[in-house]
Protein backbone atom coordinates (compact mmCIF):
# COMPACT_ATOMS: atom_id res chain seq x y z
CA MET A 1 5.99 -24.34 -12.81
CA THR A 2 7.71 -27.86 -12.99
CA LEU A 3 10.19 -28.41 -16.18
CA TYR A 4 10.68 -31.21 -17.82
CA LYS A 5 12.57 -32.97 -20.46
CA THR A 6 10.97 -34.35 -23.63
CA LYS A 7 11.49 -36.77 -25.66
CA ARG A 8 11.67 -34.76 -28.65
CA PRO A 9 15.62 -32.43 -28.22
CA SER A 10 14.85 -30.36 -31.87
CA GLU A 11 11.30 -29.27 -31.05
CA ARG A 12 10.79 -26.26 -32.26
CA LEU A 13 9.55 -23.29 -29.81
CA SER A 14 5.68 -24.10 -29.22
CA ALA A 15 2.45 -22.86 -26.48
CA ARG A 16 -0.15 -24.75 -25.66
CA ARG A 17 -2.78 -25.49 -22.97
CA ILE A 18 -2.51 -29.07 -21.57
CA ARG A 19 -4.92 -30.26 -18.52
CA ASN A 20 -8.64 -28.93 -19.38
CA GLY A 21 -7.18 -25.82 -19.92
CA GLN A 22 -5.13 -24.80 -16.07
CA VAL A 23 -1.62 -25.56 -17.55
CA LEU A 24 -0.10 -23.75 -19.81
CA ARG A 25 2.83 -25.44 -21.60
CA ILE A 26 5.71 -24.19 -23.38
CA ALA A 27 8.44 -26.49 -24.74
CA ARG A 28 12.06 -25.71 -26.80
CA GLY A 29 14.99 -27.55 -27.42
CA GLY A 30 13.91 -31.12 -25.91
CA TYR A 31 11.80 -28.86 -22.49
CA SER A 32 8.71 -28.27 -21.93
CA LEU A 33 7.74 -25.70 -19.04
CA HIS A 34 4.42 -26.34 -17.04
CA ILE A 35 3.16 -23.52 -15.21
CA ASN A 36 -0.45 -23.67 -13.67
CA ILE A 37 -2.05 -21.08 -14.68
CA TYR A 38 -4.77 -20.80 -11.39
CA ARG A 39 -2.13 -19.98 -9.18
CA PHE A 40 -1.33 -17.14 -11.02
CA LYS A 41 -4.40 -16.05 -11.51
CA ARG A 42 -5.29 -15.72 -8.24
CA ALA A 43 -1.73 -13.79 -7.46
CA GLY A 44 -2.49 -11.66 -11.03
CA LEU A 45 -5.75 -10.52 -8.99
CA ARG A 46 -4.18 -10.32 -5.36
CA LEU A 47 -1.78 -8.32 -6.73
CA LEU A 48 -4.69 -6.08 -8.92
CA LYS A 49 -6.52 -5.76 -5.80
CA ARG A 50 -4.33 -4.13 -3.96
CA SER A 51 -2.30 -1.72 -6.81
CA LEU A 52 -5.73 -0.36 -7.19
CA ILE A 53 -6.38 0.16 -3.33
CA ILE A 54 -2.86 2.12 -3.29
CA ALA A 55 -3.50 4.00 -6.37
CA GLY A 56 -7.40 4.90 -5.08
CA THR A 57 -5.57 6.07 -1.49
CA LEU A 58 -3.07 8.39 -3.71
CA LEU A 59 -5.11 9.52 -5.13
CA LEU A 60 -7.32 10.38 -2.15
CA PHE A 61 -4.55 12.12 -1.15
CA LYS A 62 -3.30 14.50 -4.02
CA ILE A 63 -7.31 15.74 -3.70
CA GLY A 64 -6.80 16.27 0.08
CA GLN A 65 -3.32 17.85 -0.34
CA ALA A 66 -4.99 20.39 -3.21
CA ALA A 67 -7.98 20.80 -0.65
CA ALA A 68 -6.19 21.72 2.44
CA TYR A 69 -3.47 23.99 0.18
CA THR A 70 -6.69 25.65 -1.60
CA GLU A 71 -8.30 26.60 1.95
CA ARG A 72 -4.75 27.61 3.78
CA GLY A 73 -3.16 29.46 1.02
CA TYR A 74 0.33 27.90 1.51
CA LYS A 75 1.70 23.69 0.81
CA ALA A 76 2.18 22.33 3.96
CA TYR A 77 1.13 18.66 5.29
CA GLY A 78 -1.29 18.17 8.43
CA GLY A 79 -4.72 15.72 8.23
CA GLU A 80 -4.46 15.08 5.10
CA MET A 81 -1.46 12.36 5.93
CA LEU A 82 -3.79 10.29 7.92
CA ILE A 83 -4.99 9.33 4.19
CA LEU A 84 -2.01 7.15 3.44
CA LEU A 85 -2.80 5.41 6.68
CA LEU A 86 -6.68 3.97 5.90
CA PRO A 87 -5.31 1.04 3.97
CA LEU A 88 -3.38 -0.28 6.88
CA ILE A 89 -5.95 1.18 9.35
CA ALA A 90 -8.62 -0.45 6.77
CA TYR A 91 -6.35 -4.30 7.16
CA VAL A 92 -6.26 -3.81 11.06
CA ILE A 93 -10.21 -3.49 11.17
CA LYS A 94 -10.71 -6.42 8.77
CA GLN A 95 -8.14 -8.84 10.72
CA ASN A 96 -10.06 -7.82 14.04
CA ILE A 97 -13.71 -8.98 12.71
CA LYS A 98 -12.19 -11.57 11.20
CA ASP A 99 -10.61 -13.28 14.32
CA THR A 100 -13.39 -12.13 16.40
CA ALA A 101 -15.45 -13.89 14.57
CA GLU A 102 -13.65 -17.23 14.47
CA ALA A 103 -13.73 -16.76 18.36
CA TYR A 104 -17.32 -16.55 18.07
CA ARG A 105 -17.38 -19.84 15.85
CA THR A 106 -15.32 -21.79 18.11
CA ALA A 107 -17.01 -20.40 21.33
CA ARG A 108 -20.90 -21.54 20.11
CA ASP A 109 -19.46 -24.87 18.38
CA ASP A 110 -17.71 -25.77 21.71
CA GLY A 111 -21.34 -25.35 23.69
CA GLY A 112 -20.38 -21.81 25.38
CA SER A 113 -21.65 -23.44 29.02
CA GLU A 114 -19.31 -24.01 31.44
CA ASP A 115 -21.19 -26.65 33.45
């Protein structure tokens, strides 16, 4: 986001897209704010993805909790608590795979021979 001073101090509130639609310009009272939409779109998609993961995890936990209650007959917490750790475990595995692949590519590009 960048704030600019315009040539028209009496400008009323206006909003439009400029630079091939990638920048949103909001102007009022001699100032205009330019917002890069693409940057916010990527951040919004990341936030949406993480929100869906958390919502899915909580839903799985509630299902597991209900199944455990019907089996036990009383309310307690057991193995269904591990469902809450699934996003963390998946993230660690994903990072491990990325690091291993990067190390493999580096070793392959270096030739892999020690002669």
